[in-house]
All heavy atoms as atom14 arrays in JSON, in Angstrom:
{
  "sequence": "YRQAPGKQRELVADITRGSNTNYADAVKGRFTISRDNAKNTVYLQ",
  "atom14_mask": [
    [1, 1, 1, 1, 1, 1, 1, 1, 1, 1, 1, 1, 0, 0],
    [1, 1, 1, 1, 1, 1, 1, 1, 1, 1, 1, 0, 0, 0],
    [1, 1, 1, 1, 1, 1, 1, 1, 1, 0, 0, 0, 0, 0],
    [1, 1, 1, 1, 1, 0, 0, 0, 0, 0, 0, 0, 0, 0],
    [1, 1, 1, 1, 1, 1, 1, 0, 0, 0, 0, 0, 0, 0],
    [1, 1, 1, 1, 0, 0, 0, 0, 0, 0, 0, 0, 0, 0],
    [1, 1, 1, 1, 1, 1, 1, 1, 1, 0, 0, 0, 0, 0],
    [1, 1, 1, 1, 1, 1, 1, 1, 1, 0, 0, 0, 0, 0],
    [1, 1, 1, 1, 1, 1, 1, 1, 1, 1, 1, 0, 0, 0],
    [1, 1, 1, 1, 1, 1, 1, 1, 1, 0, 0, 0, 0, 0],
    [1, 1, 1, 1, 1, 1, 1, 1, 0, 0, 0, 0, 0, 0],
    [1, 1, 1, 1, 1, 1, 1, 0, 0, 0, 0, 0, 0, 0],
    [1, 1, 1, 1, 1, 0, 0, 0, 0, 0, 0, 0, 0, 0],
    [1, 1, 1, 1, 1, 1, 1, 1, 0, 0, 0, 0, 0, 0],
    [1, 1, 1, 1, 1, 1, 1, 1, 0, 0, 0, 0, 0, 0],
    [1, 1, 1, 1, 1, 1, 1, 0, 0, 0, 0, 0, 0, 0],
    [1, 1, 1, 1, 1, 1, 1, 1, 1, 1, 1, 0, 0, 0],
    [1, 1, 1, 1, 0, 0, 0, 0, 0, 0, 0, 0, 0, 0],
    [1, 1, 1, 1, 1, 1, 0, 0, 0, 0, 0, 0, 0, 0],
    [1, 1, 1, 1, 1, 1, 1, 1, 0, 0, 0, 0, 0, 0],
    [1, 1, 1, 1, 1, 1, 1, 0, 0, 0, 0, 0, 0, 0],
    [1, 1, 1, 1, 1, 1, 1, 1, 0, 0, 0, 0, 0, 0],
    [1, 1, 1, 1, 1, 1, 1, 1, 1, 1, 1, 1, 0, 0],
    [1, 1, 1, 1, 1, 0, 0, 0, 0, 0, 0, 0, 0, 0],
    [1, 1, 1, 1, 1, 1, 1, 1, 0, 0, 0, 0, 0, 0],
    [1, 1, 1, 1, 1, 0, 0, 0, 0, 0, 0, 0, 0, 0],
    [1, 1, 1, 1, 1, 1, 1, 0, 0, 0, 0, 0, 0, 0],
    [1, 1, 1, 1, 1, 1, 1, 1, 1, 0, 0, 0, 0, 0],
    [1, 1, 1, 1, 0, 0, 0, 0, 0, 0, 0, 0, 0, 0],
    [1, 1, 1, 1, 1, 1, 1, 1, 1, 1, 1, 0, 0, 0],
    [1, 1, 1, 1, 1, 1, 1, 1, 1, 1, 1, 0, 0, 0],
    [1, 1, 1, 1, 1, 1, 1, 0, 0, 0, 0, 0, 0, 0],
    [1, 1, 1, 1, 1, 1, 1, 1, 0, 0, 0, 0, 0, 0],
    [1, 1, 1, 1, 1, 1, 0, 0, 0, 0, 0, 0, 0, 0],
    [1, 1, 1, 1, 1, 1, 1, 1, 1, 1, 1, 0, 0, 0],
    [1, 1, 1, 1, 1, 1, 1, 1, 0, 0, 0, 0, 0, 0],
    [1, 1, 1, 1, 1, 1, 1, 1, 0, 0, 0, 0, 0, 0],
    [1, 1, 1, 1, 1, 0, 0, 0, 0, 0, 0, 0, 0, 0],
    [1, 1, 1, 1, 1, 1, 1, 1, 1, 0, 0, 0, 0, 0],
    [1, 1, 1, 1, 1, 1, 1, 1, 0, 0, 0, 0, 0, 0],
    [1, 1, 1, 1, 1, 1, 1, 0, 0, 0, 0, 0, 0, 0],
    [1, 1, 1, 1, 1, 1, 1, 0, 0, 0, 0, 0, 0, 0],
    [1, 1, 1, 1, 1, 1, 1, 1, 1, 1, 1, 1, 0, 0],
    [1, 1, 1, 1, 1, 1, 1, 1, 0, 0, 0, 0, 0, 0],
    [1, 1, 1, 1, 1, 1, 1, 1, 1, 0, 0, 0, 0, 0]
  ],
  "atom14_positions": [
    [[-6.34, -18.74, -0.8], [-6.16, -20.15, -0.93], [-7.07, -20.86, 0.09], [-7.56, -20.27, 1.03], [-4.76, -20.58, -0.72], [-3.84, -20.31, -1.77], [-3.35, -18.95, -2.04], [-3.27, -21.27, -2.67], [-2.48, -18.69, -3.07], [-2.37, -20.99, -3.65], [-1.96, -19.8, -3.87], [-1.12, -19.42, -4.9], [0.0, 0.0, 0.0], [0.0, 0.0, 0.0]],
    [[-7.24, -22.15, -0.1], [-7.94, -22.94, 0.91], [-7.33, -24.33, 1.08], [-6.73, -24.87, 0.06], [-9.44, -23.07, 0.57], [-9.73, -23.95, -0.67], [-11.33, -23.83, -0.91], [-11.71, -24.65, -2.11], [-12.88, -24.67, -2.57], [-13.81, -23.87, -2.03], [-13.13, -25.34, -3.64], [0.0, 0.0, 0.0], [0.0, 0.0, 0.0], [0.0, 0.0, 0.0]],
    [[-7.49, -24.95, 2.2], [-7.0, -26.22, 2.5], [-8.04, -26.98, 3.36], [-8.35, -26.59, 4.42], [-5.65, -26.2, 3.21], [-5.05, -27.56, 3.41], [-3.57, -27.47, 3.9], [-3.13, -26.46, 4.45], [-2.79, -28.53, 3.59], [0.0, 0.0, 0.0], [0.0, 0.0, 0.0], [0.0, 0.0, 0.0], [0.0, 0.0, 0.0], [0.0, 0.0, 0.0]],
    [[-8.56, -28.01, 2.73], [-9.51, -28.95, 3.42], [-8.75, -30.09, 4.07], [-7.61, -30.32, 3.66], [-10.42, -29.53, 2.37], [0.0, 0.0, 0.0], [0.0, 0.0, 0.0], [0.0, 0.0, 0.0], [0.0, 0.0, 0.0], [0.0, 0.0, 0.0], [0.0, 0.0, 0.0], [0.0, 0.0, 0.0], [0.0, 0.0, 0.0], [0.0, 0.0, 0.0]],
    [[-9.24, -30.67, 5.08], [-8.58, -31.78, 5.87], [-8.14, -32.86, 4.86], [-8.91, -33.31, 4.09], [-9.67, -32.22, 6.8], [-10.61, -31.07, 7.01], [-10.61, -30.38, 5.65], [0.0, 0.0, 0.0], [0.0, 0.0, 0.0], [0.0, 0.0, 0.0], [0.0, 0.0, 0.0], [0.0, 0.0, 0.0], [0.0, 0.0, 0.0], [0.0, 0.0, 0.0]],
    [[-6.86, -33.23, 5.04], [-6.3, -34.26, 4.16], [-6.13, -33.88, 2.78], [-5.67, -34.79, 1.94], [0.0, 0.0, 0.0], [0.0, 0.0, 0.0], [0.0, 0.0, 0.0], [0.0, 0.0, 0.0], [0.0, 0.0, 0.0], [0.0, 0.0, 0.0], [0.0, 0.0, 0.0], [0.0, 0.0, 0.0], [0.0, 0.0, 0.0], [0.0, 0.0, 0.0]],
    [[-6.19, -32.68, 2.45], [-5.99, -32.2, 0.99], [-4.86, -31.09, 1.04], [-4.53, -30.6, 1.99], [-7.24, -31.72, 0.38], [-8.25, -32.69, 0.22], [-9.51, -32.2, -0.58], [-10.51, -33.3, -0.84], [-11.74, -32.82, -1.65], [0.0, 0.0, 0.0], [0.0, 0.0, 0.0], [0.0, 0.0, 0.0], [0.0, 0.0, 0.0], [0.0, 0.0, 0.0]],
    [[-4.33, -30.93, -0.19], [-3.36, -29.9, -0.45], [-4.05, -28.56, -0.47], [-5.11, -28.41, -0.79], [-2.48, -30.18, -1.67], [-1.61, -31.4, -1.65], [-0.65, -31.44, -2.87], [-1.07, -30.95, -3.93], [0.44, -32.0, -2.54], [0.0, 0.0, 0.0], [0.0, 0.0, 0.0], [0.0, 0.0, 0.0], [0.0, 0.0, 0.0], [0.0, 0.0, 0.0]],
    [[-3.27, -27.51, -0.14], [-3.72, -26.18, -0.22], [-3.8, -25.86, -1.73], [-3.02, -26.21, -2.55], [-2.68, -25.27, 0.41], [-3.26, -23.79, 0.59], [-2.28, -23.01, 1.42], [-2.16, -23.51, 2.82], [-1.5, -22.79, 3.78], [-0.96, -21.62, 3.54], [-1.41, -23.33, 5.01], [0.0, 0.0, 0.0], [0.0, 0.0, 0.0], [0.0, 0.0, 0.0]],
    [[-4.94, -25.23, -2.06], [-5.24, -24.91, -3.48], [-5.66, -23.43, -3.58], [-6.25, -22.85, -2.71], [-6.34, -25.74, -3.92], [-7.72, -25.6, -3.24], [-8.78, -26.49, -3.82], [-8.5, -27.3, -4.7], [-9.98, -26.33, -3.36], [0.0, 0.0, 0.0], [0.0, 0.0, 0.0], [0.0, 0.0, 0.0], [0.0, 0.0, 0.0], [0.0, 0.0, 0.0]],
    [[-5.37, -22.87, -4.76], [-5.75, -21.53, -5.11], [-7.25, -21.4, -5.34], [-7.78, -22.3, -6.01], [-4.99, -21.06, -6.25], [-5.33, -19.69, -6.87], [-4.88, -18.66, -5.87], [-4.77, -19.42, -8.29], [0.0, 0.0, 0.0], [0.0, 0.0, 0.0], [0.0, 0.0, 0.0], [0.0, 0.0, 0.0], [0.0, 0.0, 0.0], [0.0, 0.0, 0.0]],
    [[-7.82, -20.45, -4.73], [-9.26, -20.21, -4.89], [-9.47, -19.09, -5.89], [-10.17, -19.24, -6.9], [-10.06, -19.83, -3.58], [-11.44, -19.51, -3.83], [-9.93, -20.98, -2.59], [0.0, 0.0, 0.0], [0.0, 0.0, 0.0], [0.0, 0.0, 0.0], [0.0, 0.0, 0.0], [0.0, 0.0, 0.0], [0.0, 0.0, 0.0], [0.0, 0.0, 0.0]],
    [[-8.82, -17.91, -5.61], [-8.88, -16.8, -6.53], [-7.77, -15.88, -6.28], [-7.24, -15.85, -5.2], [-10.22, -16.1, -6.33], [0.0, 0.0, 0.0], [0.0, 0.0, 0.0], [0.0, 0.0, 0.0], [0.0, 0.0, 0.0], [0.0, 0.0, 0.0], [0.0, 0.0, 0.0], [0.0, 0.0, 0.0], [0.0, 0.0, 0.0], [0.0, 0.0, 0.0]],
    [[-7.35, -15.14, -7.27], [-6.33, -14.14, -7.11], [-6.6, -12.86, -7.89], [-7.56, -12.86, -8.74], [-4.9, -14.63, -7.47], [-4.73, -15.02, -8.98], [-5.54, -14.47, -9.76], [-3.83, -15.76, -9.24], [0.0, 0.0, 0.0], [0.0, 0.0, 0.0], [0.0, 0.0, 0.0], [0.0, 0.0, 0.0], [0.0, 0.0, 0.0], [0.0, 0.0, 0.0]],
    [[-6.02, -11.76, -7.47], [-6.33, -10.49, -8.03], [-4.93, -9.67, -8.11], [-4.22, -9.65, -7.18], [-7.35, -9.72, -7.2], [-7.71, -8.44, -7.89], [-6.91, -9.46, -5.78], [-9.01, -7.81, -7.31], [0.0, 0.0, 0.0], [0.0, 0.0, 0.0], [0.0, 0.0, 0.0], [0.0, 0.0, 0.0], [0.0, 0.0, 0.0], [0.0, 0.0, 0.0]],
    [[-4.71, -9.04, -9.26], [-3.51, -8.42, -9.45], [-3.6, -6.93, -8.98], [-4.7, -6.37, -8.63], [-3.08, -8.32, -10.95], [-4.12, -7.55, -11.65], [-2.98, -9.74, -11.53], [0.0, 0.0, 0.0], [0.0, 0.0, 0.0], [0.0, 0.0, 0.0], [0.0, 0.0, 0.0], [0.0, 0.0, 0.0], [0.0, 0.0, 0.0], [0.0, 0.0, 0.0]],
    [[-2.53, -6.22, -8.98], [-2.55, -4.79, -8.7], [-3.44, -4.0, -9.53], [-4.18, -3.01, -9.09], [-1.12, -4.29, -8.76], [-0.96, -2.9, -8.31], [0.48, -2.3, -8.56], [1.42, -3.06, -7.75], [2.72, -3.02, -8.05], [3.26, -2.36, -9.09], [3.58, -3.71, -7.32], [0.0, 0.0, 0.0], [0.0, 0.0, 0.0], [0.0, 0.0, 0.0]],
    [[-3.58, -4.51, -10.81], [-4.51, -3.82, -11.72], [-5.95, -4.29, -11.74], [-6.69, -4.03, -12.51], [0.0, 0.0, 0.0], [0.0, 0.0, 0.0], [0.0, 0.0, 0.0], [0.0, 0.0, 0.0], [0.0, 0.0, 0.0], [0.0, 0.0, 0.0], [0.0, 0.0, 0.0], [0.0, 0.0, 0.0], [0.0, 0.0, 0.0], [0.0, 0.0, 0.0]],
    [[-6.17, -5.23, -10.69], [-7.53, -5.78, -10.37], [-7.94, -6.86, -11.5], [-9.22, -7.09, -11.63], [-8.65, -4.72, -10.3], [-8.31, -3.89, -9.16], [0.0, 0.0, 0.0], [0.0, 0.0, 0.0], [0.0, 0.0, 0.0], [0.0, 0.0, 0.0], [0.0, 0.0, 0.0], [0.0, 0.0, 0.0], [0.0, 0.0, 0.0], [0.0, 0.0, 0.0]],
    [[-6.94, -7.37, -12.15], [-7.32, -8.52, -12.99], [-7.48, -9.69, -12.01], [-6.71, -9.89, -11.2], [-6.17, -8.84, -14.01], [-6.07, -7.71, -15.02], [-7.12, -7.25, -15.57], [-4.89, -7.17, -15.24], [0.0, 0.0, 0.0], [0.0, 0.0, 0.0], [0.0, 0.0, 0.0], [0.0, 0.0, 0.0], [0.0, 0.0, 0.0], [0.0, 0.0, 0.0]],
    [[-8.48, -10.6, -12.35], [-8.86, -11.65, -11.5], [-8.71, -12.98, -12.13], [-8.87, -13.09, -13.38], [-10.31, -11.46, -10.85], [-11.26, -11.42, -12.0], [-10.37, -10.29, -10.08], [0.0, 0.0, 0.0], [0.0, 0.0, 0.0], [0.0, 0.0, 0.0], [0.0, 0.0, 0.0], [0.0, 0.0, 0.0], [0.0, 0.0, 0.0], [0.0, 0.0, 0.0]],
    [[-8.57, -14.04, -11.31], [-8.54, -15.4, -11.85], [-9.16, -16.24, -10.73], [-8.94, -16.03, -9.55], [-7.06, -15.82, -11.97], [-6.91, -17.18, -12.39], [-7.37, -17.68, -13.34], [-6.07, -17.98, -11.51], [0.0, 0.0, 0.0], [0.0, 0.0, 0.0], [0.0, 0.0, 0.0], [0.0, 0.0, 0.0], [0.0, 0.0, 0.0], [0.0, 0.0, 0.0]],
    [[-9.99, -17.29, -11.16], [-10.71, -18.11, -10.29], [-10.44, -19.64, -10.53], [-10.31, -20.08, -11.8], [-12.23, -17.92, -10.36], [-12.53, -16.46, -10.01], [-12.66, -15.42, -10.89], [-12.89, -16.23, -8.65], [-12.98, -14.29, -10.55], [-13.25, -15.0, -8.21], [-13.31, -13.89, -9.21], [-13.68, -12.65, -8.76], [0.0, 0.0, 0.0], [0.0, 0.0, 0.0]],
    [[-10.46, -20.45, -9.48], [-10.4, -21.89, -9.75], [-11.81, -22.24, -10.36], [-12.8, -21.63, -10.09], [-10.26, -22.59, -8.32], [0.0, 0.0, 0.0], [0.0, 0.0, 0.0], [0.0, 0.0, 0.0], [0.0, 0.0, 0.0], [0.0, 0.0, 0.0], [0.0, 0.0, 0.0], [0.0, 0.0, 0.0], [0.0, 0.0, 0.0], [0.0, 0.0, 0.0]],
    [[-11.81, -23.21, -11.2], [-12.96, -23.76, -11.82], [-14.1, -24.06, -10.9], [-15.3, -23.83, -11.11], [-12.7, -24.9, -12.74], [-11.95, -24.6, -14.01], [-11.84, -23.42, -14.24], [-11.35, -25.5, -14.59], [0.0, 0.0, 0.0], [0.0, 0.0, 0.0], [0.0, 0.0, 0.0], [0.0, 0.0, 0.0], [0.0, 0.0, 0.0], [0.0, 0.0, 0.0]],
    [[-13.71, -24.65, -9.65], [-14.72, -25.1, -8.74], [-15.51, -23.91, -8.08], [-16.62, -24.1, -7.56], [-14.08, -25.8, -7.61], [0.0, 0.0, 0.0], [0.0, 0.0, 0.0], [0.0, 0.0, 0.0], [0.0, 0.0, 0.0], [0.0, 0.0, 0.0], [0.0, 0.0, 0.0], [0.0, 0.0, 0.0], [0.0, 0.0, 0.0], [0.0, 0.0, 0.0]],
    [[-15.03, -22.58, -8.24], [-15.7, -21.52, -7.62], [-16.16, -20.47, -8.62], [-16.91, -19.59, -8.21], [-14.81, -20.87, -6.48], [-14.32, -21.99, -5.53], [-13.65, -20.1, -7.15], [0.0, 0.0, 0.0], [0.0, 0.0, 0.0], [0.0, 0.0, 0.0], [0.0, 0.0, 0.0], [0.0, 0.0, 0.0], [0.0, 0.0, 0.0], [0.0, 0.0, 0.0]],
    [[-15.86, -20.73, -9.89], [-16.32, -19.73, -10.88], [-17.81, -19.51, -10.9], [-18.61, -20.51, -10.78], [-15.79, -20.15, -12.25], [-14.38, -19.86, -12.52], [-13.98, -20.35, -13.91], [-12.49, -19.95, -14.2], [-12.14, -20.54, -15.57], [0.0, 0.0, 0.0], [0.0, 0.0, 0.0], [0.0, 0.0, 0.0], [0.0, 0.0, 0.0], [0.0, 0.0, 0.0]],
    [[-18.26, -18.25, -10.88], [-19.59, -17.95, -10.95], [-20.23, -17.93, -9.45], [-21.44, -17.55, -9.33], [0.0, 0.0, 0.0], [0.0, 0.0, 0.0], [0.0, 0.0, 0.0], [0.0, 0.0, 0.0], [0.0, 0.0, 0.0], [0.0, 0.0, 0.0], [0.0, 0.0, 0.0], [0.0, 0.0, 0.0], [0.0, 0.0, 0.0], [0.0, 0.0, 0.0]],
    [[-19.61, -18.31, -8.49], [-20.02, -18.24, -7.14], [-19.33, -17.31, -6.21], [-19.83, -16.7, -5.34], [-20.02, -19.72, -6.53], [-20.91, -20.65, -7.29], [-20.98, -21.95, -6.53], [-19.71, -22.69, -6.34], [-19.14, -23.05, -5.11], [-19.82, -22.73, -3.97], [-17.98, -23.59, -5.05], [0.0, 0.0, 0.0], [0.0, 0.0, 0.0], [0.0, 0.0, 0.0]],
    [[-17.96, -17.29, -6.4], [-17.05, -16.42, -5.62], [-16.59, -15.31, -6.28], [-16.38, -15.28, -7.62], [-15.88, -17.27, -5.06], [-16.08, -18.44, -4.18], [-17.42, -18.75, -3.84], [-15.03, -19.02, -3.53], [-17.62, -19.86, -2.97], [-15.27, -20.08, -2.7], [-16.62, -20.51, -2.35], [0.0, 0.0, 0.0], [0.0, 0.0, 0.0], [0.0, 0.0, 0.0]],
    [[-16.39, -14.12, -5.64], [-15.91, -12.91, -6.28], [-14.81, -12.33, -5.34], [-14.99, -12.15, -4.11], [-16.94, -11.87, -6.35], [-17.96, -12.42, -7.24], [-16.39, -10.6, -7.16], [0.0, 0.0, 0.0], [0.0, 0.0, 0.0], [0.0, 0.0, 0.0], [0.0, 0.0, 0.0], [0.0, 0.0, 0.0], [0.0, 0.0, 0.0], [0.0, 0.0, 0.0]],
    [[-13.6, -12.19, -5.94], [-12.47, -11.52, -5.25], [-12.5, -10.05, -5.58], [-12.69, -9.69, -6.75], [-11.17, -12.22, -5.5], [-10.12, -11.62, -4.53], [-10.78, -12.09, -6.96], [-8.82, -12.52, -4.7], [0.0, 0.0, 0.0], [0.0, 0.0, 0.0], [0.0, 0.0, 0.0], [0.0, 0.0, 0.0], [0.0, 0.0, 0.0], [0.0, 0.0, 0.0]],
    [[-12.21, -9.27, -4.54], [-12.11, -7.75, -4.92], [-11.1, -7.12, -3.85], [-10.69, -7.7, -2.92], [-13.43, -7.05, -4.72], [-13.92, -7.25, -3.4], [0.0, 0.0, 0.0], [0.0, 0.0, 0.0], [0.0, 0.0, 0.0], [0.0, 0.0, 0.0], [0.0, 0.0, 0.0], [0.0, 0.0, 0.0], [0.0, 0.0, 0.0], [0.0, 0.0, 0.0]],
    [[-10.72, -5.94, -4.23], [-9.71, -5.27, -3.31], [-10.16, -3.73, -3.16], [-10.68, -3.16, -4.04], [-8.39, -5.37, -3.92], [-8.13, -4.72, -5.25], [-6.8, -5.03, -5.9], [-5.71, -4.5, -5.2], [-4.49, -4.98, -5.29], [-4.27, -6.0, -5.94], [-3.42, -4.37, -4.61], [0.0, 0.0, 0.0], [0.0, 0.0, 0.0], [0.0, 0.0, 0.0]],
    [[-9.95, -3.26, -1.93], [-10.21, -1.87, -1.6], [-8.78, -1.27, -1.19], [-8.32, -1.54, -0.05], [-11.25, -1.8, -0.47], [-11.58, -0.34, -0.24], [-10.81, 0.58, -0.46], [-12.71, -0.14, 0.22], [0.0, 0.0, 0.0], [0.0, 0.0, 0.0], [0.0, 0.0, 0.0], [0.0, 0.0, 0.0], [0.0, 0.0, 0.0], [0.0, 0.0, 0.0]],
    [[-8.14, -0.68, -2.11], [-6.82, -0.15, -1.82], [-6.85, 0.88, -0.73], [-5.86, 1.01, 0.08], [-6.17, 0.44, -3.1], [-5.95, -0.61, -4.15], [-5.72, -1.77, -3.89], [-5.9, -0.17, -5.42], [0.0, 0.0, 0.0], [0.0, 0.0, 0.0], [0.0, 0.0, 0.0], [0.0, 0.0, 0.0], [0.0, 0.0, 0.0], [0.0, 0.0, 0.0]],
    [[-7.89, 1.62, -0.6], [-7.98, 2.74, 0.49], [-8.01, 2.09, 1.84], [-7.61, 2.66, 2.85], [-9.18, 3.51, 0.2], [0.0, 0.0, 0.0], [0.0, 0.0, 0.0], [0.0, 0.0, 0.0], [0.0, 0.0, 0.0], [0.0, 0.0, 0.0], [0.0, 0.0, 0.0], [0.0, 0.0, 0.0], [0.0, 0.0, 0.0], [0.0, 0.0, 0.0]],
    [[-8.59, 0.96, 1.91], [-8.74, 0.1, 3.17], [-7.63, -0.92, 3.47], [-7.57, -1.6, 4.41], [-10.12, -0.46, 3.33], [-11.24, 0.56, 3.39], [-12.51, -0.13, 3.62], [-13.63, 0.94, 3.87], [-15.01, 0.3, 3.97], [0.0, 0.0, 0.0], [0.0, 0.0, 0.0], [0.0, 0.0, 0.0], [0.0, 0.0, 0.0], [0.0, 0.0, 0.0]],
    [[-6.79, -1.07, 2.38], [-5.74, -2.07, 2.44], [-6.32, -3.46, 2.66], [-5.75, -4.31, 3.51], [-4.66, -1.76, 3.43], [-3.91, -0.55, 3.13], [-3.62, -0.24, 1.87], [-3.6, 0.29, 4.07], [0.0, 0.0, 0.0], [0.0, 0.0, 0.0], [0.0, 0.0, 0.0], [0.0, 0.0, 0.0], [0.0, 0.0, 0.0], [0.0, 0.0, 0.0]],
    [[-7.4, -3.76, 2.01], [-8.17, -4.98, 2.36], [-8.5, -5.68, 0.99], [-8.93, -5.05, 0.11], [-9.44, -4.63, 3.17], [-9.03, -3.98, 4.42], [-10.18, -5.95, 3.49], [0.0, 0.0, 0.0], [0.0, 0.0, 0.0], [0.0, 0.0, 0.0], [0.0, 0.0, 0.0], [0.0, 0.0, 0.0], [0.0, 0.0, 0.0], [0.0, 0.0, 0.0]],
    [[-8.47, -6.98, 1.06], [-9.0, -7.88, -0.08], [-10.12, -8.65, 0.44], [-10.08, -9.07, 1.58], [-7.83, -8.72, -0.59], [-8.43, -9.69, -1.56], [-6.74, -7.89, -1.17], [0.0, 0.0, 0.0], [0.0, 0.0, 0.0], [0.0, 0.0, 0.0], [0.0, 0.0, 0.0], [0.0, 0.0, 0.0], [0.0, 0.0, 0.0], [0.0, 0.0, 0.0]],
    [[-11.11, -8.8, -0.34], [-12.31, -9.52, 0.05], [-12.54, -10.79, -0.85], [-12.11, -10.85, -1.98], [-13.56, -8.62, -0.06], [-13.46, -7.4, 0.63], [-13.11, -6.19, 0.03], [-13.76, -7.33, 2.06], [-13.02, -4.95, 0.8], [-13.69, -6.16, 2.76], [-13.3, -4.97, 2.18], [-13.21, -3.87, 2.85], [0.0, 0.0, 0.0], [0.0, 0.0, 0.0]],
    [[-13.2, -11.7, -0.19], [-13.74, -12.85, -1.05], [-15.26, -13.11, -0.67], [-15.54, -13.48, 0.49], [-12.98, -14.14, -0.66], [-13.35, -15.37, -1.48], [-12.84, -15.14, -3.0], [-12.66, -16.63, -0.98], [0.0, 0.0, 0.0], [0.0, 0.0, 0.0], [0.0, 0.0, 0.0], [0.0, 0.0, 0.0], [0.0, 0.0, 0.0], [0.0, 0.0, 0.0]],
    [[-16.05, -12.76, -1.61], [-17.49, -12.88, -1.47], [-17.82, -14.3, -1.97], [-17.54, -14.66, -3.1], [-18.24, -11.86, -2.29], [-19.78, -12.06, -2.21], [-20.38, -11.8, -0.81], [-19.99, -10.85, -0.08], [-21.3, -12.66, -0.37], [0.0, 0.0, 0.0], [0.0, 0.0, 0.0], [0.0, 0.0, 0.0], [0.0, 0.0, 0.0], [0.0, 0.0, 0.0]]
  ]
}
């Protein structure tokens, strides 16, 4: 999620346990969410 000054917090992208992804329209095609289960880490490129 992200929150800009004076604005509400908004969803940027999410990823399920099965690695299905969903993106806000404002970031589609520019941002990529991914997960590395072995490292217990989620990334946002």
